[in-house]
């Protein structure tokens, strides 16, 4: 995996496209921080690639939520407590 800056992306576009076509994965950085991934796709696999990225994103979110619940201890909340919180919020929203 190779890191390139936004400036390099602008200045060396043709060279970068060649790298991507050869199968290289690139991390684009701005001010030294990663902001995007650049990887090749094909017309034949585009939909599958997008679906895979969406699934990975959802799994990452779920993992983050799980870690937060372990850290806060909220994984111990009973179903009844959850239902009570939902009812409370719904009641508050109706009152507005």
N, C-alpha and C. Protein backbone atom coordinates (compact mmCIF):
# COMPACT_ATOMS: atom_id res chain seq x y z
N UNK A 1 0.86 -1.17 0.00
CA UNK A 1 0.00 0.00 0.00
C UNK A 1 0.90 1.23 0.00
N UNK A 2 0.52 2.18 -0.78
CA UNK A 2 1.33 3.39 -0.97
C UNK A 2 0.55 4.60 -0.51
N UNK A 3 1.24 5.57 0.07
CA UNK A 3 0.62 6.81 0.52
C UNK A 3 0.97 7.92 -0.46
N UNK A 4 -0.05 8.70 -0.85
CA UNK A 4 0.19 9.85 -1.72
C UNK A 4 -0.58 11.03 -1.16
N UNK A 5 -0.08 12.20 -1.43
CA UNK A 5 -0.74 13.41 -0.96
C UNK A 5 -1.76 13.88 -1.99
N UNK A 6 -2.65 14.74 -1.54
CA UNK A 6 -3.63 15.33 -2.45
C UNK A 6 -2.89 16.08 -3.55
N UNK A 7 -1.83 16.75 -3.19
CA UNK A 7 -1.04 17.49 -4.19
C UNK A 7 -0.48 16.54 -5.25
N UNK A 8 0.07 15.40 -4.81
CA UNK A 8 0.58 14.41 -5.77
C UNK A 8 -0.53 13.91 -6.68
N UNK A 9 -1.71 13.71 -6.11
CA UNK A 9 -2.85 13.25 -6.91
C UNK A 9 -3.15 14.24 -8.02
N UNK A 10 -3.06 15.52 -7.71
CA UNK A 10 -3.31 16.56 -8.72
C UNK A 10 -2.19 16.63 -9.75
N UNK A 11 -0.94 16.52 -9.27
CA UNK A 11 0.20 16.73 -10.15
C UNK A 11 0.59 15.50 -10.97
N UNK A 12 0.32 14.31 -10.44
CA UNK A 12 0.77 13.09 -11.10
C UNK A 12 -0.40 12.15 -11.42
N UNK A 13 -1.49 12.72 -11.87
CA UNK A 13 -2.70 11.95 -12.09
C UNK A 13 -2.49 10.75 -13.01
N UNK A 14 -1.85 10.94 -14.13
CA UNK A 14 -1.64 9.86 -15.09
C UNK A 14 -0.84 8.73 -14.47
N UNK A 15 0.23 9.07 -13.77
CA UNK A 15 1.07 8.06 -13.11
C UNK A 15 0.27 7.29 -12.05
N UNK A 16 -0.56 8.00 -11.31
CA UNK A 16 -1.36 7.38 -10.27
C UNK A 16 -2.39 6.44 -10.87
N UNK A 17 -3.03 6.84 -11.97
CA UNK A 17 -4.00 5.95 -12.63
C UNK A 17 -3.33 4.67 -13.08
N UNK A 18 -2.09 4.78 -13.56
CA UNK A 18 -1.36 3.58 -13.98
C UNK A 18 -1.14 2.64 -12.79
N UNK A 19 -0.78 3.19 -11.65
CA UNK A 19 -0.57 2.38 -10.45
C UNK A 19 -1.86 1.65 -10.06
N UNK A 20 -2.97 2.38 -10.09
CA UNK A 20 -4.25 1.79 -9.71
C UNK A 20 -4.63 0.69 -10.70
N UNK A 21 -4.44 0.93 -11.98
CA UNK A 21 -4.75 -0.09 -12.99
C UNK A 21 -3.91 -1.34 -12.81
N UNK A 22 -2.69 -1.18 -12.27
CA UNK A 22 -1.82 -2.34 -12.02
C UNK A 22 -2.21 -3.07 -10.73
N UNK A 23 -3.17 -2.53 -10.02
CA UNK A 23 -3.64 -3.21 -8.82
C UNK A 23 -3.15 -2.64 -7.50
N UNK A 24 -2.41 -1.54 -7.55
CA UNK A 24 -1.94 -0.93 -6.30
C UNK A 24 -3.08 -0.25 -5.57
N UNK A 25 -3.04 -0.34 -4.26
CA UNK A 25 -3.99 0.38 -3.41
C UNK A 25 -3.27 1.59 -2.84
N UNK A 26 -3.92 2.73 -2.91
CA UNK A 26 -3.29 3.97 -2.48
C UNK A 26 -4.10 4.61 -1.36
N UNK A 27 -3.39 5.19 -0.41
CA UNK A 27 -4.01 5.98 0.65
C UNK A 27 -3.71 7.43 0.33
N UNK A 28 -4.75 8.22 0.20
CA UNK A 28 -4.58 9.65 -0.10
C UNK A 28 -4.56 10.39 1.23
N UNK A 29 -3.56 11.26 1.38
CA UNK A 29 -3.42 12.01 2.62
C UNK A 29 -3.56 13.51 2.37
N UNK A 30 -3.99 14.19 3.41
CA UNK A 30 -4.07 15.65 3.40
C UNK A 30 -3.53 16.12 4.74
N UNK A 31 -2.55 16.99 4.69
CA UNK A 31 -1.89 17.46 5.90
C UNK A 31 -1.37 16.29 6.74
N UNK A 32 -0.88 15.25 6.07
CA UNK A 32 -0.30 14.11 6.75
C UNK A 32 -1.28 13.11 7.31
N UNK A 33 -2.57 13.33 7.10
CA UNK A 33 -3.59 12.42 7.64
C UNK A 33 -4.32 11.72 6.50
N UNK A 34 -4.59 10.42 6.67
CA UNK A 34 -5.32 9.70 5.61
C UNK A 34 -6.75 10.21 5.49
N UNK A 35 -7.19 10.42 4.24
CA UNK A 35 -8.56 10.91 4.01
C UNK A 35 -9.35 10.03 3.05
N UNK A 36 -8.65 9.20 2.27
CA UNK A 36 -9.36 8.38 1.29
C UNK A 36 -8.51 7.20 0.86
N UNK A 37 -9.19 6.19 0.35
CA UNK A 37 -8.53 5.03 -0.25
C UNK A 37 -8.81 5.06 -1.74
N UNK A 38 -7.82 4.72 -2.51
CA UNK A 38 -8.00 4.66 -3.96
C UNK A 38 -7.60 3.26 -4.40
N UNK A 39 -8.55 2.56 -4.97
CA UNK A 39 -8.30 1.20 -5.42
C UNK A 39 -9.02 0.98 -6.74
N UNK A 40 -8.53 0.08 -7.49
CA UNK A 40 -9.12 -0.18 -8.80
C UNK A 40 -10.41 -0.98 -8.70
N UNK A 41 -11.26 -0.80 -9.66
CA UNK A 41 -12.49 -1.58 -9.79
C UNK A 41 -12.65 -1.93 -11.27
N UNK A 42 -13.54 -2.87 -11.51
CA UNK A 42 -13.86 -3.18 -12.90
C UNK A 42 -15.35 -3.05 -13.10
N UNK A 43 -15.73 -2.86 -14.31
CA UNK A 43 -17.15 -2.74 -14.63
C UNK A 43 -17.92 -3.99 -14.21
N UNK A 44 -17.26 -5.14 -14.34
CA UNK A 44 -17.91 -6.41 -14.02
C UNK A 44 -18.15 -6.60 -12.52
N UNK A 45 -17.29 -6.03 -11.69
CA UNK A 45 -17.39 -6.28 -10.25
C UNK A 45 -17.79 -5.05 -9.44
N UNK A 46 -18.09 -3.96 -10.09
CA UNK A 46 -18.37 -2.70 -9.40
C UNK A 46 -19.46 -2.84 -8.34
N UNK A 47 -20.60 -3.41 -8.71
CA UNK A 47 -21.70 -3.54 -7.75
C UNK A 47 -21.31 -4.40 -6.56
N UNK A 48 -20.61 -5.50 -6.81
CA UNK A 48 -20.16 -6.37 -5.72
C UNK A 48 -19.15 -5.64 -4.83
N UNK A 49 -18.25 -4.89 -5.45
CA UNK A 49 -17.26 -4.13 -4.68
C UNK A 49 -17.93 -3.10 -3.77
N UNK A 50 -18.92 -2.39 -4.31
CA UNK A 50 -19.65 -1.40 -3.52
C UNK A 50 -20.40 -2.06 -2.36
N UNK A 51 -21.03 -3.18 -2.64
CA UNK A 51 -21.76 -3.91 -1.59
C UNK A 51 -20.81 -4.37 -0.49
N UNK A 52 -19.64 -4.84 -0.88
CA UNK A 52 -18.64 -5.27 0.10
C UNK A 52 -18.19 -4.10 0.96
N UNK A 53 -17.92 -2.97 0.35
CA UNK A 53 -17.52 -1.78 1.12
C UNK A 53 -18.61 -1.35 2.09
N UNK A 54 -19.85 -1.41 1.65
CA UNK A 54 -20.97 -1.04 2.53
C UNK A 54 -21.08 -2.00 3.71
N UNK A 55 -20.90 -3.28 3.45
CA UNK A 55 -20.96 -4.27 4.53
C UNK A 55 -19.83 -4.06 5.54
N UNK A 56 -18.65 -3.82 5.04
CA UNK A 56 -17.51 -3.58 5.92
C UNK A 56 -17.75 -2.34 6.77
N UNK A 57 -18.28 -1.31 6.17
CA UNK A 57 -18.58 -0.08 6.91
C UNK A 57 -19.61 -0.35 8.02
N UNK A 58 -20.64 -1.12 7.69
CA UNK A 58 -21.65 -1.46 8.69
C UNK A 58 -21.05 -2.29 9.82
N UNK A 59 -20.20 -3.25 9.48
CA UNK A 59 -19.56 -4.07 10.51
C UNK A 59 -18.64 -3.25 11.41
N UNK A 60 -17.93 -2.30 10.82
CA UNK A 60 -17.08 -1.42 11.62
C UNK A 60 -17.92 -0.60 12.59
N UNK A 61 -19.05 -0.10 12.14
CA UNK A 61 -19.94 0.68 13.01
C UNK A 61 -20.48 -0.19 14.13
N UNK A 62 -20.89 -1.39 13.79
CA UNK A 62 -21.41 -2.31 14.79
C UNK A 62 -20.34 -2.66 15.83
N UNK A 63 -19.12 -2.87 15.37
CA UNK A 63 -18.02 -3.17 16.28
C UNK A 63 -17.74 -2.00 17.22
N UNK A 64 -17.78 -0.79 16.68
CA UNK A 64 -17.56 0.41 17.51
C UNK A 64 -18.65 0.52 18.57
N UNK A 65 -19.89 0.30 18.18
CA UNK A 65 -21.01 0.36 19.12
C UNK A 65 -20.84 -0.70 20.21
N UNK A 66 -20.43 -1.90 19.81
CA UNK A 66 -20.23 -2.98 20.77
C UNK A 66 -19.13 -2.63 21.77
N UNK A 67 -18.01 -2.11 21.28
CA UNK A 67 -16.91 -1.73 22.18
C UNK A 67 -17.35 -0.64 23.15
N UNK A 68 -18.12 0.33 22.66
CA UNK A 68 -18.61 1.41 23.52
C UNK A 68 -19.54 0.86 24.59
N UNK A 69 -20.40 -0.09 24.22
CA UNK A 69 -21.33 -0.65 25.21
C UNK A 69 -20.58 -1.45 26.28
N UNK A 70 -19.51 -2.13 25.89
CA UNK A 70 -18.70 -2.85 26.87
C UNK A 70 -18.00 -1.87 27.82
N UNK A 71 -17.50 -0.80 27.24
CA UNK A 71 -16.78 0.21 28.02
C UNK A 71 -17.72 0.91 29.02
N UNK A 72 -18.93 1.23 28.57
CA UNK A 72 -19.89 1.95 29.41
C UNK A 72 -20.72 1.02 30.30
N UNK A 73 -20.69 -0.26 30.00
CA UNK A 73 -21.50 -1.21 30.76
C UNK A 73 -22.95 -1.27 30.33
N UNK A 74 -23.27 -0.63 29.22
CA UNK A 74 -24.66 -0.61 28.77
C UNK A 74 -25.12 -1.94 28.18
N UNK A 75 -24.20 -2.86 27.96
CA UNK A 75 -24.60 -4.17 27.45
C UNK A 75 -25.40 -4.94 28.50
N UNK A 76 -25.39 -4.48 29.74
CA UNK A 76 -26.10 -5.14 30.83
C UNK A 76 -27.55 -4.70 30.94
N UNK A 77 -27.96 -3.74 30.14
CA UNK A 77 -29.33 -3.21 30.21
C UNK A 77 -30.32 -4.29 29.77
N UNK A 78 -31.38 -4.45 30.55
CA UNK A 78 -32.39 -5.47 30.22
C UNK A 78 -33.29 -4.99 29.08
N UNK A 79 -33.99 -5.94 28.51
CA UNK A 79 -34.93 -5.62 27.43
C UNK A 79 -36.01 -4.66 27.94
N UNK A 80 -36.45 -4.86 29.15
CA UNK A 80 -37.48 -4.00 29.74
C UNK A 80 -36.97 -2.57 29.89
N UNK A 81 -35.72 -2.42 30.31
CA UNK A 81 -35.14 -1.07 30.44
C UNK A 81 -35.04 -0.39 29.08
N UNK A 82 -34.67 -1.16 28.08
CA UNK A 82 -34.57 -0.61 26.71
C UNK A 82 -35.95 -0.16 26.24
N UNK A 83 -36.95 -1.01 26.43
CA UNK A 83 -38.31 -0.66 26.04
C UNK A 83 -38.79 0.59 26.78
N UNK A 84 -38.45 0.70 28.07
CA UNK A 84 -38.82 1.87 28.85
C UNK A 84 -38.20 3.14 28.31
N UNK A 85 -36.93 3.07 27.92
CA UNK A 85 -36.25 4.23 27.34
C UNK A 85 -36.89 4.63 26.02
N UNK A 86 -37.23 3.66 25.21
CA UNK A 86 -37.87 3.94 23.92
C UNK A 86 -39.21 4.64 24.14
N UNK A 87 -40.00 4.12 25.07
CA UNK A 87 -41.30 4.74 25.36
C UNK A 87 -41.14 6.16 25.87
N UNK A 88 -40.15 6.37 26.73
CA UNK A 88 -39.89 7.69 27.29
C UNK A 88 -39.55 8.70 26.19
N UNK A 89 -38.66 8.30 25.29
CA UNK A 89 -38.25 9.19 24.19
C UNK A 89 -39.42 9.47 23.26
N UNK A 90 -40.20 8.45 22.94
CA UNK A 90 -41.36 8.65 22.06
C UNK A 90 -42.36 9.61 22.70
N UNK A 91 -42.57 9.46 24.01
CA UNK A 91 -43.49 10.34 24.73
C UNK A 91 -43.00 11.79 24.70
N UNK A 92 -41.67 11.95 24.89
CA UNK A 92 -41.08 13.30 24.84
C UNK A 92 -41.26 13.92 23.44
N UNK A 93 -41.07 13.12 22.41
CA UNK A 93 -41.20 13.63 21.04
C UNK A 93 -42.63 14.02 20.72
N UNK A 94 -43.59 13.27 21.23
CA UNK A 94 -45.01 13.60 20.99
C UNK A 94 -45.38 14.90 21.70
N UNK A 95 -44.76 15.17 22.83
CA UNK A 95 -45.07 16.37 23.61
C UNK A 95 -44.55 17.65 22.99
N UNK A 96 -43.66 17.56 22.05
CA UNK A 96 -43.06 18.77 21.43
C UNK A 96 -43.92 19.31 20.33
